[in-house]
Amino acid sequence: MVLLFITATVVAQLAFADRIRAGVSVLDVDIGGRTRPEAAGLLQARASSLLRQPVILKLGDRQWESTPRDLGLQVDTDALLDEAYGVGRDGTLIDRIADQWAALFRIQRLTSNGVDVDEEQMAAALQRIATEVDAPARDAHLRLGRSGTVDSVSIVPEETGVVLSQAESADRVRRVLTANRFPATVELASETTAPSLKAADLQEAKGQAEVALASPLVLTFEDRRWSIERDDIVKLIGFDRLPGQPVRAALKPEALMELLANISREIEQPMVDARFSWSGGRMRVIRDSQEGHVLDSAGVTDQIRDRLFTTNRVISLTLVATPPRVSSNDGPNLGVGELVAQGKTAFAGSVTEKQQNIALAASRLNGVVVPPGGLFSFNKEVGPTTLASGFKTGWGITLSKTGAQTIPSVAGGICQVATTLFHPLFHAGYAIEERHSHLYWIPSYGQPPLGMKGLDATVDEDYGLDLQFINTTPDYMLIQSRVENTNLIFELYGTKPTWDVKIEGPVITNVVPTDRAQMRQPEASMPGGRSLQVEGAQDGFDVTITRTVTLGDDVRTLPLKSHYVPSHNVVLYGTGPS
């Protein structure tokens, strides 16, 4: 028997010298006795078939059809073939003989190597299902609505949520895929989520809301009355909940502020600072100060919070006085005693509308006093730049699909006012809080002695572009402005700061050459027969001016950066009625 066993083993070794051992099966395909190329063809066909088999994913009464391939199953037939060919060839002599006879009598089924699951692909497939089935828990909530013509407050009950348990579902799918038994069905796992707010928690808030909506709120001031009706009261109602307590209705202060804004404009009186003229060492009042009166927002909020959910529905509005920052009586005490800095630009040759706008804007800034630590806003001090306030339609710069473009604009030209004021502020070392450059460079803004390339300022109230600075000195500053012939002049009076100012630049980079050919464009707002050059050709460029202000150990550095696009020689010709 031993001799027979040895003989059979040797015969088998010789018979399967270049073939897979008898009895070896991979992916349920018997490849024993096959050469590697023969077995490779069979395994590739089997793998392709397996990856296309249907896999049904079920959750309750819903199901989704997929395939092993779509769920991430990967079959490496080369690795499987290597494992199959190694049966009876790998290991010690005893291992090889044992594997050979084991394959012959109990058929080797090999799938351990070469079969894997792409976890990311499987997770993505489950996530797509989750987006369909996940239904988060819904808290109970109040519905403030109407039933016919009757106002109603109702409670919408809570709903329990259900979500796909992706980790458990992935385990179930993985076990089915690696078992290689297809077609297959996988029961996915899910879990429920409980709502955090139930209908019983809203009963008290429901009663409060019903009281709040039962009748209007009435606001009174002197002999005037405003009624806040149901639709607006709904906007005021919010809901709060402390841990372990039911929900209570509450006032939403931010909604109340929106509601009070229109009323405030009717009854409030703005604070007005005094303005002065300094000449010959004397301060003269050119605009009297005025105490302001603003709505007592905190008081009104407290009253409405107390009464919104009661039957007491009448609230009296009160105003709070706001004293001016600079009073008419402050002139002798402002300490204005010397010229700090002066800026000057010319607007000779400008159209009449621009000249009028420059003069009007300059007059609205004349006499402004900026207290120590005070913030100056160009837009605030000039006020509305509208036709109704006296401004004319001039020309302004906007950004279009083709680049910067000069177009008709109400108050066009006041950017020269902002630039002329900006020059002495910058050179004198004051803290610039907000400044914006023009879309393209205007050479007239570089006029000496203070002008230079990149030192300009544009303003536009509609687009939120402002010129702002902070008076960081301990002294008051007086701004005086005037127009002399075709020159605009700004003078800053007060006490000269003791800091040192150093300015470097301008440093110009990224120059973009422009097309200097003349461009004629029709303009319907101009009468026929009139033409006007509104734009001159200038290259585009980037520019940086660095200002360093030093006071002892305190050093402030401002890198003033500007970007300008190319401008062109644009002449408008009128097409409107002559």
Protein backbone atom coordinates (compact mmCIF):
# COMPACT_ATOMS: atom_id res chain seq x y z
CA MET A 1 0.00 0.00 0.00
CA VAL A 2 2.88 2.34 0.80
CA LEU A 3 4.47 1.49 -2.50
CA LEU A 4 1.14 2.06 -4.25
CA PHE A 5 0.73 5.48 -2.50
CA ILE A 6 4.22 6.57 -3.46
CA THR A 7 3.73 5.40 -7.00
CA ALA A 8 0.39 7.24 -7.33
CA THR A 9 1.92 10.41 -5.90
CA VAL A 10 4.82 10.32 -8.33
CA VAL A 11 2.47 9.60 -11.24
CA ALA A 12 0.29 12.57 -10.20
CA GLN A 13 3.32 14.83 -9.97
CA LEU A 14 4.33 13.86 -13.46
CA ALA A 15 0.81 14.00 -14.90
CA PHE A 16 0.14 17.54 -13.52
CA ALA A 17 3.62 18.94 -13.94
CA ASP A 18 2.33 21.95 -15.92
CA ARG A 19 -1.33 21.79 -14.95
CA ILE A 20 -3.47 22.72 -11.95
CA ARG A 21 -3.97 19.84 -9.54
CA ALA A 22 -7.06 17.71 -9.94
CA GLY A 23 -10.00 18.70 -7.75
CA VAL A 24 -9.12 22.42 -7.49
CA SER A 25 -12.20 24.64 -7.87
CA VAL A 26 -12.23 28.47 -7.98
CA LEU A 27 -15.44 30.58 -7.96
CA ASP A 28 -17.35 27.26 -8.30
CA VAL A 29 -15.46 26.50 -11.53
CA ASP A 30 -13.55 23.17 -11.64
CA ILE A 31 -10.20 24.06 -13.16
CA GLY A 32 -8.33 20.90 -12.10
CA GLY A 33 -6.17 19.47 -14.85
CA ARG A 34 -6.22 22.77 -16.77
CA THR A 35 -3.19 24.63 -17.95
CA ARG A 36 -2.83 28.24 -16.72
CA PRO A 37 -4.07 29.80 -19.99
CA GLU A 38 -7.08 27.45 -20.07
CA ALA A 39 -7.91 28.18 -16.43
CA ALA A 40 -7.43 31.93 -16.93
CA GLY A 41 -10.04 31.99 -19.70
CA LEU A 42 -12.56 30.07 -17.55
CA LEU A 43 -11.99 32.31 -14.49
CA GLN A 44 -12.28 35.55 -16.44
CA ALA A 45 -15.58 34.44 -17.95
CA ARG A 46 -16.84 33.34 -14.52
CA ALA A 47 -15.76 36.59 -12.83
CA SER A 48 -17.43 38.68 -15.51
CA SER A 49 -20.64 36.70 -15.07
CA LEU A 50 -20.55 36.94 -11.28
CA LEU A 51 -20.09 40.73 -11.27
CA ARG A 52 -23.23 41.11 -13.41
CA GLN A 53 -25.47 38.97 -11.19
CA PRO A 54 -28.43 40.72 -9.51
CA VAL A 55 -28.23 41.70 -5.85
CA ILE A 56 -31.50 42.89 -4.32
CA LEU A 57 -31.18 45.33 -1.41
CA LYS A 58 -34.36 45.45 0.71
CA LEU A 59 -35.58 47.68 3.49
CA GLY A 60 -39.13 47.04 4.62
CA ASP A 61 -41.35 46.99 1.57
CA ARG A 62 -38.84 48.89 -0.60
CA GLN A 63 -36.10 47.35 -2.66
CA TRP A 64 -33.29 48.37 -4.97
CA GLU A 65 -31.64 46.19 -7.63
CA SER A 66 -27.89 46.36 -7.99
CA THR A 67 -24.94 44.16 -9.01
CA PRO A 68 -21.80 42.99 -7.19
CA ARG A 69 -19.75 45.26 -9.44
CA ASP A 70 -21.85 48.34 -8.54
CA LEU A 71 -21.57 47.44 -4.85
CA GLY A 72 -17.78 47.37 -5.01
CA LEU A 73 -16.95 43.65 -5.44
CA GLN A 74 -13.55 43.23 -7.06
CA VAL A 75 -12.20 39.91 -8.46
CA ASP A 76 -8.49 39.58 -9.29
CA THR A 77 -8.41 36.48 -11.52
CA ASP A 78 -4.59 36.56 -11.72
CA ALA A 79 -4.32 36.30 -7.93
CA LEU A 80 -6.89 33.47 -7.86
CA LEU A 81 -5.04 31.65 -10.61
CA ASP A 82 -1.72 31.95 -8.73
CA GLU A 83 -3.33 30.47 -5.62
CA ALA A 84 -4.90 27.60 -7.59
CA TYR A 85 -1.65 26.78 -9.41
CA GLY A 86 0.22 26.76 -6.12
CA VAL A 87 -1.84 23.86 -4.72
CA GLY A 88 0.57 20.92 -4.37
CA ARG A 89 3.53 23.09 -5.29
CA ASP A 90 3.97 25.46 -2.34
CA GLY A 91 5.39 24.63 1.09
CA THR A 92 7.37 21.65 2.33
CA LEU A 93 7.37 18.26 0.59
CA ILE A 94 4.85 16.92 3.09
CA ASP A 95 2.63 20.04 2.63
CA ARG A 96 2.72 19.68 -1.15
CA ILE A 97 1.81 15.96 -1.01
CA ALA A 98 -0.99 16.63 1.52
CA ASP A 99 -2.46 19.46 -0.60
CA GLN A 100 -2.30 17.31 -3.70
CA TRP A 101 -4.28 14.47 -2.15
CA ALA A 102 -6.67 16.89 -0.36
CA ALA A 103 -7.49 18.48 -3.69
CA LEU A 104 -8.14 15.08 -5.21
CA PHE A 105 -10.46 13.76 -2.51
CA ARG A 106 -12.22 16.86 -1.05
CA ILE A 107 -12.07 19.32 -3.93
CA GLN A 108 -10.26 22.57 -3.08
CA ARG A 109 -12.51 25.67 -3.30
CA LEU A 110 -10.26 28.72 -3.44
CA THR A 111 -11.64 32.26 -3.07
CA SER A 112 -9.59 33.72 -0.22
CA ASN A 113 -7.12 35.60 -2.41
CA GLY A 114 -8.13 37.90 -5.24
CA VAL A 115 -11.66 38.71 -3.96
CA ASP A 116 -12.11 42.06 -2.22
CA VAL A 117 -14.70 44.80 -1.67
CA ASP A 118 -14.11 48.49 -2.45
CA GLU A 119 -15.40 50.01 0.80
CA GLU A 120 -15.80 53.53 -0.63
CA GLN A 121 -17.82 52.31 -3.60
CA MET A 122 -20.06 50.22 -1.35
CA ALA A 123 -20.54 53.15 1.04
CA ALA A 124 -21.44 55.44 -1.88
CA ALA A 125 -24.07 52.94 -3.08
CA LEU A 126 -25.59 52.76 0.41
CA GLN A 127 -25.50 56.54 0.73
CA ARG A 128 -27.59 56.87 -2.43
CA ILE A 129 -30.19 54.61 -0.84
CA ALA A 130 -29.96 56.59 2.41
CA THR A 131 -30.87 59.81 0.60
CA GLU A 132 -34.11 58.11 -0.48
CA VAL A 133 -35.09 56.46 2.78
CA ASP A 134 -33.74 58.71 5.50
CA ALA A 135 -36.58 60.62 7.10
CA PRO A 136 -35.28 62.57 10.10
CA ALA A 137 -37.51 62.92 13.11
CA ARG A 138 -39.73 65.99 13.00
CA ASP A 139 -40.45 67.96 16.11
CA ALA A 140 -43.95 69.07 16.88
CA HIS A 141 -44.45 72.75 16.05
CA LEU A 142 -47.05 75.48 16.11
CA ARG A 143 -48.80 76.57 12.96
CA LEU A 144 -50.00 80.16 13.04
CA GLY A 145 -52.53 80.18 10.23
CA ARG A 146 -56.13 80.78 9.31
CA SER A 147 -59.12 78.55 8.91
CA GLY A 148 -61.30 80.41 6.45
CA THR A 149 -61.58 83.94 7.84
CA VAL A 150 -60.83 82.90 11.43
CA ASP A 151 -57.29 83.13 12.85
CA SER A 152 -56.09 79.87 14.32
CA VAL A 153 -53.17 78.43 16.25
CA SER A 154 -52.70 74.69 15.86
CA ILE A 155 -50.13 72.13 16.89
CA VAL A 156 -48.58 69.98 14.18
CA PRO A 157 -47.74 66.63 15.87
CA GLU A 158 -44.25 65.20 16.02
CA GLU A 159 -43.06 62.41 13.70
CA THR A 160 -40.63 59.59 14.47
CA GLY A 161 -37.72 59.42 12.06
CA VAL A 162 -36.09 56.46 10.35
CA VAL A 163 -32.58 56.35 8.93
CA LEU A 164 -30.52 53.70 7.18
CA SER A 165 -27.99 52.11 9.55
CA GLN A 166 -25.11 52.29 7.15
CA ALA A 167 -22.47 50.48 9.25
CA GLU A 168 -24.69 47.43 9.90
CA SER A 169 -26.00 47.45 6.32
CA ALA A 170 -22.43 47.55 5.01
CA ASP A 171 -21.53 44.48 7.09
CA ARG A 172 -24.48 42.56 5.65
CA VAL A 173 -23.67 43.53 2.08
CA ARG A 174 -19.99 42.68 2.57
CA ARG A 175 -20.80 39.15 3.83
CA VAL A 176 -23.02 38.45 0.83
CA LEU A 177 -20.50 39.79 -1.69
CA THR A 178 -17.57 37.78 -0.35
CA ALA A 179 -19.67 34.56 -0.21
CA ASN A 180 -19.98 34.65 -4.01
CA ARG A 181 -23.48 33.18 -4.03
CA PHE A 182 -25.51 35.05 -6.59
CA PRO A 183 -28.27 36.05 -7.25
CA ALA A 184 -28.62 37.30 -3.66
CA THR A 185 -30.92 39.36 -1.46
CA VAL A 186 -29.67 41.56 1.40
CA GLU A 187 -31.93 42.86 4.13
CA LEU A 188 -30.60 46.29 5.01
CA ALA A 189 -30.69 47.59 8.59
CA SER A 190 -32.42 50.76 9.79
CA GLU A 191 -32.96 52.56 13.06
CA THR A 192 -35.53 55.02 14.34
CA THR A 193 -34.87 58.49 15.74
CA ALA A 194 -37.10 60.15 18.28
CA PRO A 195 -38.21 63.81 18.02
CA SER A 196 -36.97 66.14 20.74
CA LEU A 197 -40.20 68.13 20.91
CA LYS A 198 -43.63 66.60 21.34
CA ALA A 199 -47.12 68.04 21.02
CA ALA A 200 -47.59 68.01 24.80
CA ASP A 201 -44.60 70.35 25.15
CA LEU A 202 -46.38 73.04 23.08
CA GLN A 203 -49.68 73.37 24.88
CA GLU A 204 -48.60 76.36 26.98
CA ALA A 205 -47.01 78.14 24.00
CA LYS A 206 -50.18 77.55 21.98
CA GLY A 207 -52.25 79.36 24.57
CA GLN A 208 -49.79 82.27 24.66
CA ALA A 209 -49.81 82.61 20.87
CA GLU A 210 -53.62 82.61 20.82
CA VAL A 211 -53.65 85.52 23.26
CA ALA A 212 -51.01 87.42 21.25
CA LEU A 213 -52.96 87.07 18.00
CA ALA A 214 -56.38 87.83 19.46
CA SER A 215 -56.10 91.62 19.00
CA PRO A 216 -53.68 94.21 17.57
CA LEU A 217 -50.87 95.88 19.48
CA VAL A 218 -51.28 99.66 19.62
CA LEU A 219 -48.26 101.97 19.82
CA THR A 220 -48.82 105.61 20.76
CA PHE A 221 -46.66 108.74 20.72
CA GLU A 222 -48.21 112.08 21.64
CA ASP A 223 -51.31 112.25 19.43
CA ARG A 224 -50.23 109.56 16.94
CA ARG A 225 -51.14 105.88 16.94
CA TRP A 226 -49.86 102.83 15.06
CA SER A 227 -51.65 99.51 15.03
CA ILE A 228 -49.60 96.30 14.69
CA GLU A 229 -51.93 93.76 13.11
CA ARG A 230 -51.90 89.99 13.16
CA ASP A 231 -49.57 89.42 10.17
CA ASP A 232 -46.90 91.56 11.81
CA ILE A 233 -47.49 90.07 15.27
CA VAL A 234 -46.79 86.62 13.81
CA LYS A 235 -43.29 87.86 12.87
CA LEU A 236 -42.68 88.91 16.48
CA ILE A 237 -43.41 85.52 18.04
CA GLY A 238 -40.53 83.16 18.73
CA PHE A 239 -40.27 80.18 21.04
CA ASP A 240 -37.84 79.33 23.85
CA ARG A 241 -37.34 76.13 25.79
CA LEU A 242 -35.27 75.59 28.91
CA PRO A 243 -34.02 72.05 29.68
CA GLY A 244 -36.73 69.95 31.27
CA GLN A 245 -39.44 72.57 30.71
CA PRO A 246 -42.21 73.03 28.13
CA VAL A 247 -41.88 75.51 25.29
CA ARG A 248 -42.88 79.12 25.94
CA ALA A 249 -43.65 81.84 23.44
CA ALA A 250 -41.20 84.75 23.42
CA LEU A 251 -40.60 88.05 21.64
CA LYS A 252 -38.13 88.12 18.75
CA PRO A 253 -36.28 91.44 19.31
CA GLU A 254 -34.65 91.47 15.85
CA ALA A 255 -38.08 91.27 14.18
CA LEU A 256 -39.33 94.07 16.44
CA MET A 257 -36.47 96.35 15.36
CA GLU A 258 -37.44 95.87 11.71
CA LEU A 259 -41.03 96.68 12.59
CA LEU A 260 -40.11 99.83 14.49
CA ALA A 261 -37.78 101.19 11.80
CA ASN A 262 -40.51 103.03 9.86
CA ILE A 263 -42.07 104.43 13.03
CA SER A 264 -38.66 105.62 14.20
CA ARG A 265 -38.17 107.62 11.00
CA GLU A 266 -41.46 109.40 11.62
CA ILE A 267 -40.81 110.55 15.17
CA GLU A 268 -37.05 110.69 15.62
CA GLN A 269 -35.05 113.90 15.29
CA PRO A 270 -31.44 113.40 14.19
CA MET A 271 -28.58 114.83 16.20
CA VAL A 272 -26.74 117.62 14.36
CA ASP A 273 -23.19 118.66 15.18
CA ALA A 274 -22.28 122.31 14.98
CA ARG A 275 -20.07 123.48 12.15
CA PHE A 276 -17.56 126.28 12.34
CA SER A 277 -15.45 128.59 10.23
CA TRP A 278 -11.97 129.49 11.45
CA SER A 279 -10.49 132.77 10.28
CA GLY A 280 -8.13 135.23 11.83
CA GLY A 281 -7.83 133.16 14.97
CA ARG A 282 -11.57 133.16 15.60
CA MET A 283 -14.17 130.38 15.43
CA ARG A 284 -17.54 131.36 13.97
CA VAL A 285 -20.61 129.12 14.00
CA ILE A 286 -21.91 128.44 10.48
CA ARG A 287 -24.40 125.73 11.50
CA ASP A 288 -25.98 125.41 14.91
CA SER A 289 -25.95 122.13 16.75
CA GLN A 290 -29.17 120.29 17.49
CA GLU A 291 -29.94 117.76 20.18
CA GLY A 292 -31.18 114.50 18.76
CA HIS A 293 -34.12 112.43 19.95
CA VAL A 294 -34.20 108.73 19.15
CA LEU A 295 -36.66 106.00 20.01
CA ASP A 296 -36.03 104.32 23.36
CA SER A 297 -35.63 100.91 21.72
CA ALA A 298 -34.75 99.13 24.95
CA GLY A 299 -37.80 100.55 26.74
CA VAL A 300 -40.17 99.72 23.89
CA THR A 301 -38.76 96.19 23.68
CA ASP A 302 -39.31 95.63 27.40
CA GLN A 303 -42.91 96.90 27.21
CA ILE A 304 -43.82 94.75 24.23
CA ARG A 305 -42.11 91.71 25.78
CA ASP A 306 -44.25 92.21 28.91
CA ARG A 307 -47.54 92.78 27.06
CA LEU A 308 -47.36 90.76 23.85
CA PHE A 309 -48.93 87.70 25.49
CA THR A 310 -51.44 89.60 27.64
CA THR A 311 -54.67 91.50 27.02
CA ASN A 312 -52.99 94.85 27.82
CA ARG A 313 -52.21 95.90 24.24
CA VAL A 314 -51.36 99.64 24.39
CA ILE A 315 -47.69 100.73 24.54
CA SER A 316 -46.51 104.35 24.85
CA LEU A 317 -43.36 105.19 22.92
CA THR A 318 -40.68 107.42 24.44
CA LEU A 319 -37.66 109.19 22.99
CA VAL A 320 -34.15 109.44 24.38
CA ALA A 321 -32.11 112.63 23.96
CA THR A 322 -28.73 112.34 22.21
CA PRO A 323 -26.48 115.39 22.70
CA PRO A 324 -24.36 116.55 19.75
CA ARG A 325 -20.69 115.58 19.70
CA VAL A 326 -19.84 119.22 18.94
CA SER A 327 -22.08 121.93 20.37
CA SER A 328 -22.51 125.46 19.08
CA ASN A 329 -21.01 126.70 22.36
CA ASP A 330 -17.86 124.61 21.97
CA GLY A 331 -16.06 126.94 19.53
CA PRO A 332 -13.66 128.63 21.97
CA ASN A 333 -12.83 125.27 23.58
CA LEU A 334 -11.97 123.26 20.45
CA GLY A 335 -8.33 124.31 20.45
CA VAL A 336 -8.23 125.02 16.73
CA GLY A 337 -5.19 127.20 16.21
CA GLU A 338 -3.20 126.36 13.09
CA LEU A 339 -3.30 124.94 9.59
CA VAL A 340 -2.36 121.25 9.70
CA ALA A 341 -2.51 120.38 5.99
CA GLN A 342 -3.99 121.59 2.70
CA GLY A 343 -5.12 119.78 -0.47
CA LYS A 344 -5.86 121.35 -3.84
CA THR A 345 -6.99 120.07 -7.25
CA ALA A 346 -8.22 121.83 -10.39
CA PHE A 347 -11.30 121.00 -12.43
CA ALA A 348 -10.87 123.46 -15.30
CA GLY A 349 -12.56 122.21 -18.47
CA SER A 350 -15.08 120.04 -16.60
CA VAL A 351 -18.70 120.09 -17.73
CA THR A 352 -21.04 122.43 -15.89
CA GLU A 353 -22.82 119.58 -14.12
CA LYS A 354 -19.57 118.29 -12.61
CA GLN A 355 -18.56 121.77 -11.47
CA GLN A 356 -21.93 122.21 -9.72
CA ASN A 357 -21.66 118.81 -8.05
CA ILE A 358 -18.14 119.55 -6.82
CA ALA A 359 -19.20 122.90 -5.37
CA LEU A 360 -22.27 121.41 -3.65
CA ALA A 361 -20.42 118.47 -2.11
CA ALA A 362 -17.59 120.73 -0.95
CA SER A 363 -20.05 123.11 0.70
CA ARG A 364 -21.61 120.20 2.63
CA LEU A 365 -18.22 119.34 4.11
CA ASN A 366 -17.21 122.87 5.03
CA GLY A 367 -17.00 123.37 8.78
CA VAL A 368 -17.12 119.72 9.86
CA VAL A 369 -15.43 119.19 13.23
CA VAL A 370 -14.00 115.74 13.99
CA PRO A 371 -13.50 115.26 17.75
CA PRO A 372 -10.60 113.26 19.25
CA GLY A 373 -11.20 109.57 18.51
CA GLY A 374 -14.07 110.49 16.19
CA LEU A 375 -14.86 108.68 12.92
CA PHE A 376 -15.40 110.84 9.83
CA SER A 377 -17.60 109.48 7.05
CA PHE A 378 -17.68 111.29 3.70
CA ASN A 379 -21.08 109.86 2.75
CA LYS A 380 -22.65 110.72 6.12
CA GLU A 381 -21.45 114.31 6.12
CA VAL A 382 -22.32 114.99 2.45
CA GLY A 383 -25.76 113.41 2.85
CA PRO A 384 -27.99 112.08 0.06
CA THR A 385 -26.44 112.48 -3.40
CA THR A 386 -29.72 112.68 -5.30
CA LEU A 387 -31.40 115.00 -7.78
CA ALA A 388 -33.85 116.00 -5.05
CA SER A 389 -30.98 117.14 -2.84
CA GLY A 390 -29.58 119.40 -5.55
CA PHE A 391 -27.04 117.27 -7.39
CA LYS A 392 -26.91 117.11 -11.20
CA THR A 393 -26.42 114.20 -13.58
CA GLY A 394 -22.74 114.13 -14.45
CA TRP A 395 -20.47 111.26 -15.36
CA GLY A 396 -19.31 108.32 -13.29
CA ILE A 397 -17.31 105.13 -13.76
CA THR A 398 -18.86 101.67 -13.62
CA LEU A 399 -17.67 98.14 -14.39
CA SER A 400 -19.21 96.48 -17.46
CA LYS A 401 -18.57 93.22 -19.32
CA THR A 402 -15.94 94.99 -21.43
CA GLY A 403 -14.19 96.69 -18.51
CA ALA A 404 -14.51 100.13 -16.93
CA GLN A 405 -17.03 102.42 -18.60
CA THR A 406 -17.99 106.07 -18.12
CA ILE A 407 -21.76 106.55 -17.91
CA PRO A 408 -24.26 109.24 -16.85
CA SER A 409 -24.42 109.34 -13.06
CA VAL A 410 -26.22 111.54 -10.55
CA ALA A 411 -23.64 113.52 -8.52
CA GLY A 412 -20.93 112.53 -11.02
CA GLY A 413 -17.74 114.37 -10.13
CA ILE A 414 -17.88 114.25 -6.33
CA CYS A 415 -15.07 111.67 -6.36
CA GLN A 416 -12.77 114.64 -7.02
CA VAL A 417 -14.01 116.08 -3.74
CA ALA A 418 -13.20 112.84 -1.92
CA THR A 419 -9.77 112.65 -3.60
CA THR A 420 -8.90 116.26 -2.76
CA LEU A 421 -9.76 115.66 0.91
CA PHE A 422 -7.94 112.33 0.92
CA HIS A 423 -4.65 113.91 -0.17
CA PRO A 424 -4.00 116.01 2.99
CA LEU A 425 -5.43 113.30 5.27
CA PHE A 426 -2.98 110.79 3.84
CA HIS A 427 0.05 113.09 3.87
CA ALA A 428 -0.72 114.34 7.39
CA GLY A 429 -0.72 110.76 8.73
CA TYR A 430 -4.33 110.36 9.89
CA ALA A 431 -5.65 106.80 10.28
CA ILE A 432 -7.50 105.83 7.10
CA GLU A 433 -10.43 103.55 7.98
CA GLU A 434 -11.93 103.07 4.48
CA ARG A 435 -10.80 104.10 1.02
CA HIS A 436 -11.45 102.77 -2.50
CA SER A 437 -9.56 103.50 -5.71
CA HIS A 438 -11.21 104.31 -9.03
CA LEU A 439 -11.64 101.62 -11.67
CA TYR A 440 -9.18 103.45 -13.95
CA TRP A 441 -6.58 106.10 -13.22
CA ILE A 442 -7.48 109.76 -13.73
CA PRO A 443 -4.30 111.82 -14.31
CA SER A 444 -5.74 115.05 -12.89
CA TYR A 445 -5.84 113.37 -9.48
CA GLY A 446 -2.06 113.13 -9.52
CA GLN A 447 -1.58 116.93 -9.46
CA PRO A 448 1.29 118.18 -7.28
CA PRO A 449 2.17 118.99 -4.63
CA LEU A 450 0.26 116.15 -2.88
CA GLY A 451 -1.05 114.13 -5.81
CA MET A 452 0.73 111.06 -7.14
CA LYS A 453 -0.18 107.95 -9.10
CA GLY A 454 -2.39 105.72 -6.96
CA LEU A 455 -3.47 108.44 -4.52
CA ASP A 456 -7.19 108.83 -5.21
CA ALA A 457 -10.51 107.99 -3.54
CA THR A 458 -13.88 107.10 -5.01
CA VAL A 459 -17.22 107.25 -3.17
CA ASP A 460 -20.65 105.92 -4.02
CA GLU A 461 -23.44 105.81 -1.46
CA ASP A 462 -25.53 103.34 -3.50
CA TYR A 463 -22.68 100.82 -3.67
CA GLY A 464 -21.48 101.37 -0.10
CA LEU A 465 -18.17 102.99 -1.10
CA ASP A 466 -17.09 105.55 1.47
CA LEU A 467 -14.05 107.56 2.54
CA GLN A 468 -13.54 107.32 6.30
CA PHE A 469 -10.78 108.25 8.69
CA ILE A 470 -10.30 108.34 12.47
CA ASN A 471 -8.91 111.34 14.32
CA THR A 472 -6.44 109.47 16.51
CA THR A 473 -5.03 112.67 18.01
CA PRO A 474 -6.13 114.22 21.34
CA ASP A 475 -7.15 117.39 19.48
CA TYR A 476 -10.20 118.50 17.51
CA MET A 477 -9.89 118.81 13.73
CA LEU A 478 -11.76 121.37 11.63
CA ILE A 479 -12.31 120.67 7.92
CA GLN A 480 -12.77 123.71 5.70
CA SER A 481 -13.45 123.52 1.98
CA ARG A 482 -14.02 126.07 -0.72
CA VAL A 483 -14.04 126.55 -4.48
CA GLU A 484 -11.92 129.32 -5.97
CA ASN A 485 -12.58 129.73 -9.68
CA THR A 486 -11.89 126.18 -10.95
CA ASN A 487 -9.82 125.06 -7.96
CA LEU A 488 -11.11 122.91 -5.11
CA ILE A 489 -9.33 123.49 -1.80
CA PHE A 490 -9.48 121.57 1.48
CA GLU A 491 -7.80 122.81 4.66
CA LEU A 492 -7.40 120.88 7.90
CA TYR A 493 -7.14 123.05 11.00
CA GLY A 494 -6.34 122.10 14.57
CA THR A 495 -3.03 121.18 16.19
CA LYS A 496 -0.30 119.60 14.10
CA PRO A 497 0.33 116.00 15.22
CA THR A 498 3.81 115.35 16.58
CA TRP A 499 4.27 112.11 14.69
CA ASP A 500 6.65 111.67 11.76
CA VAL A 501 5.26 110.72 8.33
CA LYS A 502 7.32 108.95 5.66
CA ILE A 503 5.89 108.13 2.23
CA GLU A 504 7.54 105.75 -0.25
CA GLY A 505 6.50 105.14 -3.82
CA PRO A 506 4.52 104.95 -5.93
CA VAL A 507 5.73 101.50 -7.03
CA ILE A 508 4.01 100.58 -10.31
CA THR A 509 3.71 96.97 -11.53
CA ASN A 510 1.64 94.84 -13.94
CA VAL A 511 1.23 97.54 -16.59
CA VAL A 512 -1.45 96.68 -19.18
CA PRO A 513 -1.17 98.85 -22.34
CA THR A 514 -4.37 100.40 -23.61
CA ASP A 515 -5.75 100.95 -27.10
CA ARG A 516 -5.41 104.71 -27.74
CA ALA A 517 -7.69 104.82 -30.80
CA GLN A 518 -10.65 107.16 -30.41
CA MET A 519 -13.97 105.48 -29.65
CA ARG A 520 -17.25 107.24 -30.47
CA GLN A 521 -20.35 106.06 -28.61
CA PRO A 522 -23.97 107.22 -28.91
CA GLU A 523 -25.58 108.69 -25.79
CA ALA A 524 -29.36 109.20 -25.68
CA SER A 525 -29.23 111.46 -22.60
CA MET A 526 -27.24 114.08 -24.55
CA PRO A 527 -28.94 116.33 -27.13
CA GLY A 528 -28.18 115.76 -30.78
CA GLY A 529 -25.24 117.75 -32.06
CA ARG A 530 -23.39 117.73 -28.72
CA SER A 531 -20.26 115.66 -28.20
CA LEU A 532 -18.13 115.22 -25.11
CA GLN A 533 -14.90 113.38 -24.32
CA VAL A 534 -15.65 111.56 -21.05
CA GLU A 535 -12.63 109.27 -20.86
CA GLY A 536 -8.94 109.53 -21.77
CA ALA A 537 -6.69 106.64 -22.69
CA GLN A 538 -4.58 105.40 -19.77
CA ASP A 539 -2.71 102.14 -19.28
CA GLY A 540 -3.90 99.78 -16.58
CA PHE A 541 -1.53 99.05 -13.71
CA ASP A 542 -1.12 98.10 -10.07
CA VAL A 543 0.45 100.58 -7.69
CA THR A 544 1.54 100.60 -4.05
CA ILE A 545 2.26 103.67 -1.93
CA THR A 546 3.66 102.89 1.52
CA ARG A 547 3.08 105.35 4.36
CA THR A 548 4.81 104.96 7.73
CA VAL A 549 3.67 107.06 10.69
CA THR A 550 5.99 107.02 13.73
CA LEU A 551 5.34 108.44 17.18
CA GLY A 552 7.94 107.23 19.66
CA ASP A 553 7.76 103.45 19.74
CA ASP A 554 4.38 103.42 17.97
CA VAL A 555 4.82 102.68 14.25
CA ARG A 556 1.85 102.48 11.86
CA THR A 557 2.51 101.25 8.31
CA LEU A 558 -0.14 101.56 5.58
CA PRO A 559 0.58 99.87 2.22
CA LEU A 560 -1.97 101.70 0.04
CA LYS A 561 -2.63 99.35 -2.87
CA SER A 562 -4.64 100.21 -5.98
CA HIS A 563 -5.57 98.35 -9.15
CA TYR A 564 -6.54 100.22 -12.32
CA VAL A 565 -7.86 98.75 -15.57
CA PRO A 566 -7.03 100.36 -18.93
CA SER A 567 -9.18 103.30 -20.01
CA HIS A 568 -9.77 104.57 -23.55
CA ASN A 569 -10.29 107.73 -25.56
CA VAL A 570 -14.09 107.77 -25.45
CA VAL A 571 -16.15 110.53 -27.08
CA LEU A 572 -19.92 110.49 -26.62
CA TYR A 573 -22.17 112.04 -29.23
CA GLY A 574 -25.73 112.95 -28.39
CA THR A 575 -28.68 111.19 -30.00
CA GLY A 576 -31.41 112.76 -27.85
CA PRO A 577 -33.72 115.70 -28.68
CA SER A 578 -31.77 118.85 -29.46
